[in-house]
PDB file of N, CA and C in Angstrom:
ATOM      1  N   UNK A   1       0.950  -0.955  -0.367  1.00  0.00           N
ATOM      2  CA  UNK A   1      -0.400   0.009  -0.243  1.00  0.00           C
ATOM      3  C   UNK A   1       1.281   1.621  -0.093  1.00  0.00           C
ATOM      4  N   UNK A   2       0.564   2.192  -0.665  1.00  0.00           N
ATOM      5  CA  UNK A   2       1.453   3.561  -1.100  1.00  0.00           C
ATOM      6  C   UNK A   2       0.941   4.215   0.222  1.00  0.00           C
ATOM      7  N   UNK A   3       2.203   5.039   0.635  1.00  0.00           N
ATOM      8  CA  UNK A   3       1.939   6.053   1.928  1.00  0.00           C
ATOM      9  C   UNK A   3       1.473   7.105   1.363  1.00  0.00           C
ATOM     10  N   UNK A   4       1.305   7.728   1.961  1.00  0.00           N
ATOM     11  CA  UNK A   4       0.898   9.774   1.098  1.00  0.00           C
ATOM     12  C   UNK A   4       1.673  10.279   2.124  1.00  0.00           C
ATOM     13  N   UNK A   5       2.993  10.833   1.491  1.00  0.00           N
ATOM     14  CA  UNK A   5       3.701  11.968   2.026  1.00  0.00           C
ATOM     15  C   UNK A   5       3.171  12.829   2.235  1.00  0.00           C
ATOM     16  N   UNK A   6       2.919  13.457   3.652  1.00  0.00           N
ATOM     17  CA  UNK A   6       2.721  14.378   4.019  1.00  0.00           C
ATOM     18  C   UNK A   6       3.824  15.420   5.150  1.00  0.00           C
ATOM     19  N   UNK A   7       3.623  16.415   5.376  1.00  0.00           N
ATOM     20  CA  UNK A   7       4.265  17.532   6.122  1.00  0.00           C
ATOM     21  C   UNK A   7       3.821  16.815   7.638  1.00  0.00           C
ATOM     22  N   UNK A   8       4.822  16.276   8.461  1.00  0.00           N
ATOM     23  CA  UNK A   8       4.555  15.738   9.898  1.00  0.00           C
ATOM     24  C   UNK A   8       4.515  17.436  10.696  1.00  0.00           C
ATOM     25  N   UNK A   9       3.148  16.794  11.388  1.00  0.00           N
ATOM     26  CA  UNK A   9       2.955  18.054  11.903  1.00  0.00           C
ATOM     27  C   UNK A   9       3.834  17.698  13.686  1.00  0.00           C
ATOM     28  N   UNK A  10       4.424  18.763  14.522  1.00  0.00           N
ATOM     29  CA  UNK A  10       4.716  18.198  15.511  1.00  0.00           C
ATOM     30  C   UNK A  10       3.766  18.259  16.996  1.00  0.00           C
ATOM     31  N   UNK A  11       3.891  16.765  17.177  1.00  0.00           N
ATOM     32  CA  UNK A  11       3.063  16.279  18.511  1.00  0.00           C
ATOM     33  C   UNK A  11       3.851  16.860  19.430  1.00  0.00           C
ATOM     34  N   UNK A  12       2.995  17.233  20.860  1.00  0.00           N
ATOM     35  CA  UNK A  12       3.239  18.231  22.263  1.00  0.00           C
ATOM     36  C   UNK A  12       2.569  16.908  23.075  1.00  0.00           C
ATOM     37  N   UNK A  13       2.637  17.149  23.905  1.00  0.00           N
ATOM     38  CA  UNK A  13       2.320  16.399  25.002  1.00  0.00           C
ATOM     39  C   UNK A  13       0.621  16.621  25.756  1.00  0.00           C
ATOM     40  N   UNK A  14       0.543  17.956  25.248  1.00  0.00           N
ATOM     41  CA  UNK A  14      -1.161  18.092  25.380  1.00  0.00           C
ATOM     42  C   UNK A  14      -1.994  17.878  24.550  1.00  0.00           C
ATOM     43  N   UNK A  15      -1.442  17.587  23.197  1.00  0.00           N
ATOM     44  CA  UNK A  15      -2.035  16.577  22.074  1.00  0.00           C
ATOM     45  C   UNK A  15      -2.176  15.101  22.687  1.00  0.00           C
ATOM     46  N   UNK A  16      -1.134  14.833  22.677  1.00  0.00           N
ATOM     47  CA  UNK A  16      -1.133  13.152  23.379  1.00  0.00           C
ATOM     48  C   UNK A  16      -2.165  13.252  24.821  1.00  0.00           C
ATOM     49  N   UNK A  17      -2.594  14.281  25.636  1.00  0.00           N
ATOM     50  CA  UNK A  17      -3.411  13.687  27.104  1.00  0.00           C
ATOM     51  C   UNK A  17      -4.286  14.580  26.662  1.00  0.00           C
ATOM     52  N   UNK A  18      -4.985  15.243  25.358  1.00  0.00           N
ATOM     53  CA  UNK A  18      -6.337  15.828  25.025  1.00  0.00           C
ATOM     54  C   UNK A  18      -6.872  13.712  24.113  1.00  0.00           C
ATOM     55  N   UNK A  19      -5.975  13.595  22.681  1.00  0.00           N
ATOM     56  CA  UNK A  19      -6.347  12.495  22.592  1.00  0.00           C
ATOM     57  C   UNK A  19      -6.757  11.271  23.551  1.00  0.00           C
ATOM     58  N   UNK A  20      -5.982  11.300  24.363  1.00  0.00           N
ATOM     59  CA  UNK A  20      -6.298   9.813  25.939  1.00  0.00           C
ATOM     60  C   UNK A  20      -7.776  10.384  26.015  1.00  0.00           C
ATOM     61  N   UNK A  21      -8.060  12.001  26.590  1.00  0.00           N
ATOM     62  CA  UNK A  21      -8.927  12.267  27.681  1.00  0.00           C
ATOM     63  C   UNK A  21     -10.265  12.299  26.597  1.00  0.00           C
ATOM     64  N   UNK A  22      -9.714  12.542  25.175  1.00  0.00           N
ATOM     65  CA  UNK A  22     -11.336  12.274  24.302  1.00  0.00           C
ATOM     66  C   UNK A  22     -11.537  10.987  24.406  1.00  0.00           C
ATOM     67  N   UNK A  23     -10.364  10.278  23.958  1.00  0.00           N
ATOM     68  CA  UNK A  23     -11.112   8.523  23.674  1.00  0.00           C
ATOM     69  C   UNK A  23     -11.594   7.753  25.174  1.00  0.00           C
ATOM     70  N   UNK A  24     -11.097   8.447  26.483  1.00  0.00           N
ATOM     71  CA  UNK A  24     -12.132   8.004  27.883  1.00  0.00           C
ATOM     72  C   UNK A  24     -13.408   8.486  28.099  1.00  0.00           C
ATOM     73  N   UNK A  25     -13.451   9.948  27.074  1.00  0.00           N
ATOM     74  CA  UNK A  25     -14.981  10.578  27.300  1.00  0.00           C
ATOM     75  C   UNK A  25     -16.211   9.474  26.248  1.00  0.00           C
ATOM     76  N   UNK A  26     -15.602   9.205  24.814  1.00  0.00           N
ATOM     77  CA  UNK A  26     -15.928   8.338  23.705  1.00  0.00           C
ATOM     78  C   UNK A  26     -16.292   7.175  24.750  1.00  0.00           C
ATOM     79  N   UNK A  27     -15.268   6.673  25.388  1.00  0.00           N
ATOM     80  CA  UNK A  27     -15.740   5.196  25.885  1.00  0.00           C
ATOM     81  C   UNK A  27     -17.219   5.478  27.299  1.00  0.00           C
ATOM     82  N   UNK A  28     -17.024   6.198  27.960  1.00  0.00           N
ATOM     83  CA  UNK A  28     -18.132   6.382  28.850  1.00  0.00           C
ATOM     84  C   UNK A  28     -19.113   6.984  27.766  1.00  0.00           C
ATOM     85  N   UNK A  29     -19.189   8.145  27.275  1.00  0.00           N
ATOM     86  CA  UNK A  29     -19.986   7.975  26.398  1.00  0.00           C
ATOM     87  C   UNK A  29     -21.146   6.966  25.098  1.00  0.00           C
ATOM     88  N   UNK A  30     -20.119   5.838  25.199  1.00  0.00           N
ATOM     89  CA  UNK A  30     -20.657   4.416  24.043  1.00  0.00           C
ATOM     90  C   UNK A  30     -21.751   3.916  25.415  1.00  0.00           C
ATOM     91  N   UNK A  31     -20.664   3.744  26.394  1.00  0.00           N
ATOM     92  CA  UNK A  31     -21.652   3.122  27.185  1.00  0.00           C
ATOM     93  C   UNK A  31     -22.498   3.685  27.832  1.00  0.00           C
ATOM     94  N   UNK A  32     -23.101   4.810  28.040  1.00  0.00           N
ATOM     95  CA  UNK A  32     -23.816   5.503  28.537  1.00  0.00           C
ATOM     96  C   UNK A  32     -25.248   5.321  27.261  1.00  0.00           C
ATOM     97  N   UNK A  33     -24.554   5.748  25.741  1.00  0.00           N
ATOM     98  CA  UNK A  33     -25.563   4.771  24.781  1.00  0.00           C
ATOM     99  C   UNK A  33     -26.103   3.767  24.924  1.00  0.00           C
ATOM    100  N   UNK A  34     -24.872   2.746  24.739  1.00  0.00           N
ATOM    101  CA  UNK A  34     -25.692   1.065  24.997  1.00  0.00           C
ATOM    102  C   UNK A  34     -26.675   1.168  26.319  1.00  0.00           C
ATOM    103  N   UNK A  35     -26.571   1.534  26.953  1.00  0.00           N
ATOM    104  CA  UNK A  35     -27.716   1.391  28.319  1.00  0.00           C
ATOM    105  C   UNK A  35     -28.775   2.166  27.851  1.00  0.00           C
ATOM    106  N   UNK A  36     -28.478   2.910  27.317  1.00  0.00           N
ATOM    107  CA  UNK A  36     -29.845   4.111  26.829  1.00  0.00           C
ATOM    108  C   UNK A  36     -30.652   3.612  25.502  1.00  0.00           C
ATOM    109  N   UNK A  37     -30.172   2.940  24.539  1.00  0.00           N
ATOM    110  CA  UNK A  37     -30.865   2.299  23.420  1.00  0.00           C
ATOM    111  C   UNK A  37     -31.022   1.096  23.781  1.00  0.00           C
ATOM    112  N   UNK A  38     -30.716   0.229  25.102  1.00  0.00           N
ATOM    113  CA  UNK A  38     -31.041  -1.089  25.404  1.00  0.00           C
ATOM    114  C   UNK A  38     -32.664  -0.737  26.300  1.00  0.00           C
ATOM    115  N   UNK A  39     -32.577   0.000  26.674  1.00  0.00           N
ATOM    116  CA  UNK A  39     -34.241   1.038  27.822  1.00  0.00           C
ATOM    117  C   UNK A  39     -34.589   1.170  26.830  1.00  0.00           C
ATOM    118  N   UNK A  40     -34.198   1.950  25.659  1.00  0.00           N
ATOM    119  CA  UNK A  40     -35.538   1.870  24.544  1.00  0.00           C
ATOM    120  C   UNK A  40     -35.934   1.080  23.452  1.00  0.00           C
ATOM    121  N   UNK A  41     -34.840  -0.208  23.745  1.00  0.00           N
ATOM    122  CA  UNK A  41     -35.009  -1.793  23.174  1.00  0.00           C
ATOM    123  C   UNK A  41     -36.783  -2.075  24.211  1.00  0.00           C
ATOM    124  N   UNK A  42     -36.058  -2.750  25.188  1.00  0.00           N
ATOM    125  CA  UNK A  42     -36.921  -2.928  26.126  1.00  0.00           C
ATOM    126  C   UNK A  42     -38.530  -2.201  25.757  1.00  0.00           C
ATOM    127  N   UNK A  43     -38.819  -0.834  26.216  1.00  0.00           N
ATOM    128  CA  UNK A  43     -39.881   0.186  25.966  1.00  0.00           C
ATOM    129  C   UNK A  43     -40.662  -0.668  24.740  1.00  0.00           C
ATOM    130  N   UNK A  44     -39.718  -0.939  23.602  1.00  0.00           N
ATOM    131  CA  UNK A  44     -40.895  -1.262  22.545  1.00  0.00           C
ATOM    132  C   UNK A  44     -40.272   0.193  21.826  1.00  0.00           C
ATOM    133  N   UNK A  45     -41.573  -0.512  20.136  1.00  0.00           N
ATOM    134  CA  UNK A  45     -41.808   0.718  18.987  1.00  0.00           C
ATOM    135  C   UNK A  45     -42.840   1.580  19.758  1.00  0.00           C
ATOM    136  N   UNK A  46     -42.148   3.283  19.329  1.00  0.00           N
ATOM    137  CA  UNK A  46     -42.576   3.792  19.904  1.00  0.00           C
ATOM    138  C   UNK A  46     -42.381   5.815  19.248  1.00  0.00           C
ATOM    139  N   UNK A  47     -43.052   6.492  19.786  1.00  0.00           N
ATOM    140  CA  UNK A  47     -42.858   8.316  19.248  1.00  0.00           C
ATOM    141  C   UNK A  47     -42.437   8.470  20.846  1.00  0.00           C
ATOM    142  N   UNK A  48     -41.099   8.892  20.965  1.00  0.00           N
ATOM    143  CA  UNK A  48     -40.505   9.362  22.722  1.00  0.00           C
ATOM    144  C   UNK A  48     -40.093  10.613  22.240  1.00  0.00           C
ATOM    145  N   UNK A  49     -40.931  11.372  23.125  1.00  0.00           N
ATOM    146  CA  UNK A  49     -40.644  12.837  23.305  1.00  0.00           C
ATOM    147  C   UNK A  49     -39.749  13.725  23.993  1.00  0.00           C
ATOM    148  N   UNK A  50     -38.553  14.420  24.052  1.00  0.00           N
ATOM    149  CA  UNK A  50     -38.128  14.679  25.226  1.00  0.00           C
ATOM    150  C   UNK A  50     -38.587  16.422  24.860  1.00  0.00           C
ATOM    151  N   UNK A  51     -37.816  16.882  25.806  1.00  0.00           N
ATOM    152  CA  UNK A  51     -37.828  18.602  25.753  1.00  0.00           C
ATOM    153  C   UNK A  51     -37.239  18.901  24.517  1.00  0.00           C
ATOM    154  N   UNK A  52     -35.749  18.737  24.102  1.00  0.00           N
ATOM    155  CA  UNK A  52     -35.352  19.251  23.203  1.00  0.00           C
ATOM    156  C   UNK A  52     -35.193  18.231  21.940  1.00  0.00           C
ATOM    157  N   UNK A  53     -35.448  16.958  21.929  1.00  0.00           N
ATOM    158  CA  UNK A  53     -35.730  15.795  21.058  1.00  0.00           C
ATOM    159  C   UNK A  53     -36.699  15.234  20.863  1.00  0.00           C
ATOM    160  N   UNK A  54     -37.368  14.441  19.402  1.00  0.00           N
ATOM    161  CA  UNK A  54     -38.001  13.681  19.867  1.00  0.00           C
ATOM    162  C   UNK A  54     -37.613  12.523  19.082  1.00  0.00           C
ATOM    163  N   UNK A  55     -37.878  11.249  19.238  1.00  0.00           N
ATOM    164  CA  UNK A  55     -36.816  10.593  18.554  1.00  0.00           C
ATOM    165  C   UNK A  55     -38.150   9.049  18.371  1.00  0.00           C
ATOM    166  N   UNK A  56     -37.979   8.162  17.542  1.00  0.00           N
ATOM    167  CA  UNK A  56     -38.644   7.352  16.848  1.00  0.00           C
ATOM    168  C   UNK A  56     -38.033   6.110  17.032  1.00  0.00           C
ATOM    169  N   UNK A  57     -38.671   5.218  17.590  1.00  0.00           N
ATOM    170  CA  UNK A  57     -37.772   3.705  17.598  1.00  0.00           C
ATOM    171  C   UNK A  57     -38.975   2.721  16.993  1.00  0.00           C
ATOM    172  N   UNK A  58     -38.026   2.112  15.869  1.00  0.00           N
ATOM    173  CA  UNK A  58     -38.770   1.614  15.209  1.00  0.00           C
ATOM    174  C   UNK A  58     -38.196   0.409  14.663  1.00  0.00           C
ATOM    175  N   UNK A  59     -38.384  -1.396  14.761  1.00  0.00           N
ATOM    176  CA  UNK A  59     -37.922  -2.369  14.538  1.00  0.00           C
ATOM    177  C   UNK A  59     -38.154  -2.878  12.959  1.00  0.00           C
ATOM    178  N   UNK A  60     -36.712  -3.199  12.329  1.00  0.00           N
ATOM    179  CA  UNK A  60     -36.806  -3.885  11.492  1.00  0.00           C
ATOM    180  C   UNK A  60     -36.026  -4.348  10.895  1.00  0.00           C
ATOM    181  N   UNK A  61     -36.359  -5.150   9.784  1.00  0.00           N
ATOM    182  CA  UNK A  61     -35.360  -7.070   9.665  1.00  0.00           C
ATOM    183  C   UNK A  61     -34.438  -6.458   8.296  1.00  0.00           C
ATOM    184  N   UNK A  62     -33.340  -7.416   8.515  1.00  0.00           N
ATOM    185  CA  UNK A  62     -32.501  -6.647   7.176  1.00  0.00           C
ATOM    186  C   UNK A  62     -31.584  -8.727   6.727  1.00  0.00           C
ATOM    187  N   UNK A  63     -31.542  -8.694   5.198  1.00  0.00           N
ATOM    188  CA  UNK A  63     -30.572 -10.146   5.367  1.00  0.00           C
ATOM    189  C   UNK A  63     -29.413  -9.559   6.374  1.00  0.00           C
ATOM    190  N   UNK A  64     -28.851 -10.541   6.598  1.00  0.00           N
ATOM    191  CA  UNK A  64     -27.357 -11.147   7.340  1.00  0.00           C
ATOM    192  C   UNK A  64     -26.958 -12.256   7.111  1.00  0.00           C
ATOM    193  N   UNK A  65     -25.625 -11.953   6.282  1.00  0.00           N
ATOM    194  CA  UNK A  65     -24.927 -12.902   5.810  1.00  0.00           C
ATOM    195  C   UNK A  65     -24.266 -13.895   7.224  1.00  0.00           C
ATOM    196  N   UNK A  66     -24.401 -15.189   6.909  1.00  0.00           N
ATOM    197  CA  UNK A  66     -23.170 -16.032   7.961  1.00  0.00           C
ATOM    198  C   UNK A  66     -21.894 -16.288   7.894  1.00  0.00           C
ATOM    199  N   UNK A  67     -20.958 -15.266   8.299  1.00  0.00           N
ATOM    200  CA  UNK A  67     -20.038 -15.455   8.026  1.00  0.00           C
ATOM    201  C   UNK A  67     -19.041 -16.943   8.205  1.00  0.00           C
ATOM    202  N   UNK A  68     -19.500 -17.298   9.389  1.00  0.00           N
ATOM    203  CA  UNK A  68     -19.256 -18.662   9.676  1.00  0.00           C
ATOM    204  C   UNK A  68     -19.227 -19.687   8.506  1.00  0.00           C
ATOM    205  N   UNK A  69     -20.952 -20.024   8.159  1.00  0.00           N
ATOM    206  CA  UNK A  69     -21.043 -20.765   7.643  1.00  0.00           C
ATOM    207  C   UNK A  69     -20.634 -20.712   5.836  1.00  0.00           C
ATOM    208  N   UNK A  70     -20.099 -19.493   5.701  1.00  0.00           N
ATOM    209  CA  UNK A  70     -19.218 -19.153   4.513  1.00  0.00           C
ATOM    210  C   UNK A  70     -17.973 -19.760   4.599  1.00  0.00           C
ATOM    211  N   UNK A  71     -17.442 -19.198   5.522  1.00  0.00           N
ATOM    212  CA  UNK A  71     -16.133 -19.623   5.842  1.00  0.00           C
ATOM    213  C   UNK A  71     -16.174 -21.520   5.704  1.00  0.00           C
ATOM    214  N   UNK A  72     -17.165 -21.608   5.883  1.00  0.00           N
ATOM    215  CA  UNK A  72     -17.359 -23.644   5.766  1.00  0.00           C
ATOM    216  C   UNK A  72     -17.427 -23.845   4.303  1.00  0.00           C
ATOM    217  N   UNK A  73     -18.207 -23.227   3.744  1.00  0.00           N
ATOM    218  CA  UNK A  73     -18.201 -23.560   2.362  1.00  0.00           C
ATOM    219  C   UNK A  73     -17.363 -23.350   0.981  1.00  0.00           C
ATOM    220  N   UNK A  74     -16.666 -22.418   1.545  1.00  0.00           N
ATOM    221  CA  UNK A  74     -15.225 -21.977   0.710  1.00  0.00           C
ATOM    222  C   UNK A  74     -14.029 -22.613   1.528  1.00  0.00           C
ATOM    223  N   UNK A  75     -13.263 -22.765   0.131  1.00  0.00           N
ATOM    224  CA  UNK A  75     -11.689 -23.593   0.464  1.00  0.00           C
ATOM    225  C   UNK A  75     -11.260 -22.580   1.407  1.00  0.00           C
ATOM    226  N   UNK A  76     -10.555 -22.986   2.198  1.00  0.00           N
ATOM    227  CA  UNK A  76      -8.986 -22.044   2.752  1.00  0.00           C
ATOM    228  C   UNK A  76      -8.405 -21.137   1.985  1.00  0.00           C
ATOM    229  N   UNK A  77      -7.660 -21.750   0.325  1.00  0.00           N
ATOM    230  CA  UNK A  77      -7.121 -21.215  -0.843  1.00  0.00           C
ATOM    231  C   UNK A  77      -7.924 -20.121  -1.363  1.00  0.00           C
ATOM    232  N   UNK A  78      -9.276 -20.405  -1.567  1.00  0.00           N
ATOM    233  CA  UNK A  78     -10.170 -19.131  -2.312  1.00  0.00           C
ATOM    234  C   UNK A  78     -10.113 -18.168  -1.102  1.00  0.00           C
ATOM    235  N   UNK A  79     -10.333 -18.439   0.038  1.00  0.00           N
ATOM    236  CA  UNK A  79     -10.424 -17.664   1.255  1.00  0.00           C
ATOM    237  C   UNK A  79      -9.305 -16.286   1.465  1.00  0.00           C
ATOM    238  N   UNK A  80      -8.052 -17.755   1.255  1.00  0.00           N
ATOM    239  CA  UNK A  80      -6.378 -16.664   1.201  1.00  0.00           C
ATOM    240  C   UNK A  80      -6.101 -16.032   0.068  1.00  0.00           C
ATOM    241  N   UNK A  81      -7.061 -16.555  -1.375  1.00  0.00           N
ATOM    242  CA  UNK A  81      -6.904 -15.494  -2.735  1.00  0.00           C
ATOM    243  C   UNK A  81      -7.862 -14.448  -2.520  1.00  0.00           C
ATOM    244  N   UNK A  82      -8.407 -13.975  -1.606  1.00  0.00           N
ATOM    245  CA  UNK A  82      -9.299 -13.085  -1.444  1.00  0.00           C
ATOM    246  C   UNK A  82      -9.322 -12.330  -0.672  1.00  0.00           C
ATOM    247  N   UNK A  83      -8.457 -12.769   0.340  1.00  0.00           N
ATOM    248  CA  UNK A  83      -8.212 -11.440   1.428  1.00  0.00           C
ATOM    249  C   UNK A  83      -7.466 -10.852   1.146  1.00  0.00           C
ATOM    250  N   UNK A  84      -7.505  -9.449   1.691  1.00  0.00           N
ATOM    251  CA  UNK A  84      -6.328  -8.853   1.222  1.00  0.00           C
ATOM    252  C   UNK A  84      -6.364  -8.041   2.232  1.00  0.00           C
ATOM    253  N   UNK A  85      -5.066  -6.816   2.845  1.00  0.00           N
ATOM    254  CA  UNK A  85      -4.582  -6.271   3.724  1.00  0.00           C
ATOM    255  C   UNK A  85      -4.644  -4.869   3.408  1.00  0.00           C
ATOM    256  N   UNK A  86      -5.079  -4.632   4.757  1.00  0.00           N
ATOM    257  CA  UNK A  86      -5.229  -2.829   4.972  1.00  0.00           C
ATOM    258  C   UNK A  86      -4.562  -2.353   5.693  1.00  0.00           C
ATOM    259  N   UNK A  87      -3.773  -1.006   5.564  1.00  0.00           N
ATOM    260  CA  UNK A  87      -3.152  -0.564   7.318  1.00  0.00           C
ATOM    261  C   UNK A  87      -4.352  -0.168   8.189  1.00  0.00           C
ATOM    262  N   UNK A  88      -3.921  -0.549   8.918  1.00  0.00           N
ATOM    263  CA  UNK A  88      -4.872   0.314  10.352  1.00  0.00           C
ATOM    264  C   UNK A  88      -3.414   0.545  11.093  1.00  0.00           C
ATOM    265  N   UNK A  89      -4.267   2.024  11.906  1.00  0.00           N
ATOM    266  CA  UNK A  89      -3.576   2.461  13.009  1.00  0.00           C
ATOM    267  C   UNK A  89      -4.131   1.988  13.995  1.00  0.00           C
ATOM    268  N   UNK A  90      -3.103   1.738  15.259  1.00  0.00           N
ATOM    269  CA  UNK A  90      -3.742   1.240  16.543  1.00  0.00           C
ATOM    270  C   UNK A  90      -3.429   2.099  17.371  1.00  0.00           C
ATOM    271  N   UNK A  91      -3.909   2.773  18.328  1.00  0.00           N
ATOM    272  CA  UNK A  91      -3.590   3.587  19.119  1.00  0.00           C
ATOM    273  C   UNK A  91      -3.622   2.519  20.616  1.00  0.00           C
ATOM    274  N   UNK A  92      -2.532   2.740  21.371  1.00  0.00           N
ATOM    275  CA  UNK A  92      -2.222   1.874  22.775  1.00  0.00           C
ATOM    276  C   UNK A  92      -2.011   3.339  23.940  1.00  0.00           C
ATOM    277  N   UNK A  93      -3.081   3.375  24.436  1.00  0.00           N
ATOM    278  CA  UNK A  93      -3.015   4.562  25.701  1.00  0.00           C
ATOM    279  C   UNK A  93      -2.855   3.839  26.627  1.00  0.00           C
ATOM    280  N   UNK A  94      -1.780   4.542  27.538  1.00  0.00           N
ATOM    281  CA  UNK A  94      -1.603   4.322  28.589  1.00  0.00           C
ATOM    282  C   UNK A  94      -1.213   5.286  29.479  1.00  0.00           C
ATOM    283  N   UNK A  95      -1.979   5.779  31.112  1.00  0.00           N
ATOM    284  CA  UNK A  95      -1.619   6.525  32.154  1.00  0.00           C
ATOM    285  C   UNK A  95      -0.057   6.574  32.277  1.00  0.00           C
ATOM    286  N   UNK A  96       0.449   8.086  32.609  1.00  0.00           N
ATOM    287  CA  UNK A  96       1.150   8.107  33.326  1.00  0.00           C
ATOM    288  C   UNK A  96       1.037   8.278  34.917  1.00  0.00           C
ATOM    289  N   UNK A  97       1.925   7.511  35.550  1.00  0.00           N
ATOM    290  CA  UNK A  97       1.640   8.056  36.703  1.00  0.00           C
ATOM    291  C   UNK A  97       2.509   8.611  37.577  1.00  0.00           C
ATOM    292  N   UNK A  98       2.561   9.408  38.024  1.00  0.00           N
ATOM    293  CA  UNK A  98       4.006  10.636  38.555  1.00  0.00           C
ATOM    294  C   UNK A  98       4.135   9.949  40.168  1.00  0.00           C
TER     295      UNK A  98
END
């Protein structure tokens, strides 16, 4: 995969701390969203009104491919031949204890 060359940005300690803080906030918000969505799921399909927003819960169905079944039907050679690689950036976050 060809890499794009761009002018490097100077990474500061504030940027590192900000990224870690944003990731922590996202984790908390994602957990809260999951809880709220499950509460609405249990309450059923309806229109719910708040003071600032209205939401409508609708349940639908869609096709879903069973990838385990696909893998058992296709040969490992076919899967290997049709599997590509993509570059993925992983960020490992560690708290600095002072």
